[in-house]
């Protein structure tokens, strides 16, 4: 039996205001998408390993979908992606300071 988890990540940069804030948030989201997309593409080919991932860029969201054969696999993959997202966000925040 295949388990499925859909994770949606929304990033908002609260250090700016108004129109600049919206533009900055979209820029951060796009940067995170660009950082994660190669990893998702590599995992999408791993059907024989029981894990499939895909990523979608929406206006103010990056949505990562994870499909796995069991709960422990979903947990491991989801934790990896959350760490990737955190690392990308921290890197972007450090470059803005």
C-alpha atoms as a PDB file:
ATOM      1  CA  UNK A   1       0.000   0.000   0.000  1.00  0.00           C
ATOM      2  CA  UNK A   2       1.302   3.431  -0.946  1.00  0.00           C
ATOM      3  CA  UNK A   3       1.060   6.259   1.581  1.00  0.00           C
ATOM      4  CA  UNK A   4       0.889   9.850   0.432  1.00  0.00           C
ATOM      5  CA  UNK A   5       1.859  13.155   2.001  1.00  0.00           C
ATOM      6  CA  UNK A   6       1.382  16.578   0.406  1.00  0.00           C
ATOM      7  CA  UNK A   7       3.396  19.309   2.074  1.00  0.00           C
ATOM      8  CA  UNK A   8       2.893  22.992   1.307  1.00  0.00           C
ATOM      9  CA  UNK A   9       5.480  25.515   2.413  1.00  0.00           C
ATOM     10  CA  UNK A  10       4.718  29.234   2.445  1.00  0.00           C
ATOM     11  CA  UNK A  11       7.557  31.667   3.001  1.00  0.00           C
ATOM     12  CA  UNK A  12       7.032  35.288   3.979  1.00  0.00           C
ATOM     13  CA  UNK A  13       9.823  37.770   4.589  1.00  0.00           C
ATOM     14  CA  UNK A  14       8.635  40.032   7.423  1.00  0.00           C
ATOM     15  CA  UNK A  15      11.625  42.402   7.285  1.00  0.00           C
ATOM     16  CA  UNK A  16      10.125  44.536   4.527  1.00  0.00           C
ATOM     17  CA  UNK A  17       6.769  46.228   4.124  1.00  0.00           C
ATOM     18  CA  UNK A  18       4.085  46.867   1.514  1.00  0.00           C
ATOM     19  CA  UNK A  19       4.830  46.183  -2.130  1.00  0.00           C
ATOM     20  CA  UNK A  20       8.509  45.546  -1.395  1.00  0.00           C
ATOM     21  CA  UNK A  21       7.451  42.865   1.078  1.00  0.00           C
ATOM     22  CA  UNK A  22       5.358  41.042  -1.531  1.00  0.00           C
ATOM     23  CA  UNK A  23       8.134  41.240  -4.111  1.00  0.00           C
ATOM     24  CA  UNK A  24      10.702  40.061  -1.568  1.00  0.00           C
ATOM     25  CA  UNK A  25       8.528  37.111  -0.503  1.00  0.00           C
ATOM     26  CA  UNK A  26       8.062  36.004  -4.098  1.00  0.00           C
ATOM     27  CA  UNK A  27      11.809  36.293  -4.664  1.00  0.00           C
ATOM     28  CA  UNK A  28      12.505  34.129  -1.600  1.00  0.00           C
ATOM     29  CA  UNK A  29       9.933  31.554  -2.708  1.00  0.00           C
ATOM     30  CA  UNK A  30      11.420  31.386  -6.209  1.00  0.00           C
ATOM     31  CA  UNK A  31      14.911  30.976  -4.780  1.00  0.00           C
ATOM     32  CA  UNK A  32      13.773  28.113  -2.559  1.00  0.00           C
ATOM     33  CA  UNK A  33      12.043  26.507  -5.542  1.00  0.00           C
ATOM     34  CA  UNK A  34      15.229  26.755  -7.620  1.00  0.00           C
ATOM     35  CA  UNK A  35      17.237  25.210  -4.766  1.00  0.00           C
ATOM     36  CA  UNK A  36      14.825  22.275  -4.298  1.00  0.00           C
ATOM     37  CA  UNK A  37      13.858  21.534  -7.899  1.00  0.00           C
ATOM     38  CA  UNK A  38      16.959  19.462  -8.850  1.00  0.00           C
ATOM     39  CA  UNK A  39      16.513  17.260  -5.770  1.00  0.00           C
ATOM     40  CA  UNK A  40      12.826  16.734  -6.546  1.00  0.00           C
ATOM     41  CA  UNK A  41      13.640  15.920 -10.165  1.00  0.00           C
ATOM     42  CA  UNK A  42      16.210  13.336  -9.043  1.00  0.00           C
ATOM     43  CA  UNK A  43      13.737  11.730  -6.620  1.00  0.00           C
ATOM     44  CA  UNK A  44      10.946  11.681  -9.192  1.00  0.00           C
ATOM     45  CA  UNK A  45      12.979   9.108 -11.119  1.00  0.00           C
ATOM     46  CA  UNK A  46      13.298   6.845  -8.054  1.00  0.00           C
ATOM     47  CA  UNK A  47      10.096   4.872  -8.549  1.00  0.00           C
ATOM     48  CA  UNK A  48      11.891   1.593  -7.886  1.00  0.00           C
ATOM     49  CA  UNK A  49      12.936   2.888  -4.446  1.00  0.00           C
ATOM     50  CA  UNK A  50       9.326   3.549  -3.470  1.00  0.00           C
ATOM     51  CA  UNK A  51       9.647   7.343  -3.315  1.00  0.00           C
ATOM     52  CA  UNK A  52       8.361   9.926  -5.775  1.00  0.00           C
ATOM     53  CA  UNK A  53       8.578  13.673  -5.280  1.00  0.00           C
ATOM     54  CA  UNK A  54       7.390  16.645  -7.267  1.00  0.00           C
ATOM     55  CA  UNK A  55       7.558  20.372  -6.737  1.00  0.00           C
ATOM     56  CA  UNK A  56       5.261  23.170  -7.906  1.00  0.00           C
ATOM     57  CA  UNK A  57       5.891  26.908  -7.781  1.00  0.00           C
ATOM     58  CA  UNK A  58       2.768  28.963  -7.116  1.00  0.00           C
ATOM     59  CA  UNK A  59       2.589  32.731  -6.539  1.00  0.00           C
ATOM     60  CA  UNK A  60       3.622  32.794  -2.892  1.00  0.00           C
ATOM     61  CA  UNK A  61       4.138  29.076  -2.298  1.00  0.00           C
ATOM     62  CA  UNK A  62       6.379  26.191  -3.002  1.00  0.00           C
ATOM     63  CA  UNK A  63       4.447  22.939  -2.814  1.00  0.00           C
ATOM     64  CA  UNK A  64       6.423  19.719  -2.430  1.00  0.00           C
ATOM     65  CA  UNK A  65       4.487  16.483  -2.935  1.00  0.00           C
ATOM     66  CA  UNK A  66       5.952  13.284  -1.570  1.00  0.00           C
ATOM     67  CA  UNK A  67       4.666   9.819  -2.392  1.00  0.00           C
ATOM     68  CA  UNK A  68       6.258   6.900  -0.545  1.00  0.00           C
ATOM     69  CA  UNK A  69       5.704   3.228   0.172  1.00  0.00           C
ATOM     70  CA  UNK A  70       5.476   3.557   3.959  1.00  0.00           C
ATOM     71  CA  UNK A  71       5.241   6.065   6.771  1.00  0.00           C
ATOM     72  CA  UNK A  72       8.875   5.794   7.869  1.00  0.00           C
ATOM     73  CA  UNK A  73      10.042   6.597   4.340  1.00  0.00           C
ATOM     74  CA  UNK A  74       7.699   9.584   4.153  1.00  0.00           C
ATOM     75  CA  UNK A  75       9.025  10.821   7.475  1.00  0.00           C
ATOM     76  CA  UNK A  76      12.654  10.552   6.373  1.00  0.00           C
ATOM     77  CA  UNK A  77      12.053  12.258   3.025  1.00  0.00           C
ATOM     78  CA  UNK A  78       9.884  14.995   4.543  1.00  0.00           C
ATOM     79  CA  UNK A  79      12.525  15.737   7.197  1.00  0.00           C
ATOM     80  CA  UNK A  80      15.167  16.002   4.472  1.00  0.00           C
ATOM     81  CA  UNK A  81      13.101  18.478   2.477  1.00  0.00           C
ATOM     82  CA  UNK A  82      12.309  20.554   5.553  1.00  0.00           C
ATOM     83  CA  UNK A  83      16.047  20.770   6.265  1.00  0.00           C
ATOM     84  CA  UNK A  84      16.741  21.750   2.628  1.00  0.00           C
ATOM     85  CA  UNK A  85      14.105  24.492   2.887  1.00  0.00           C
ATOM     86  CA  UNK A  86      15.496  25.729   6.199  1.00  0.00           C
ATOM     87  CA  UNK A  87      19.056  25.802   4.824  1.00  0.00           C
ATOM     88  CA  UNK A  88      17.966  27.687   1.697  1.00  0.00           C
ATOM     89  CA  UNK A  89      15.958  30.205   3.720  1.00  0.00           C
ATOM     90  CA  UNK A  90      18.804  30.796   6.197  1.00  0.00           C
ATOM     91  CA  UNK A  91      21.258  31.286   3.336  1.00  0.00           C
ATOM     92  CA  UNK A  92      18.969  33.844   1.709  1.00  0.00           C
ATOM     93  CA  UNK A  93      18.430  35.634   5.024  1.00  0.00           C
ATOM     94  CA  UNK A  94      22.188  35.794   5.642  1.00  0.00           C
ATOM     95  CA  UNK A  95      22.837  37.356   2.236  1.00  0.00           C
ATOM     96  CA  UNK A  96      20.248  40.100   2.903  1.00  0.00           C
ATOM     97  CA  UNK A  97      21.894  41.252   6.137  1.00  0.00           C
END
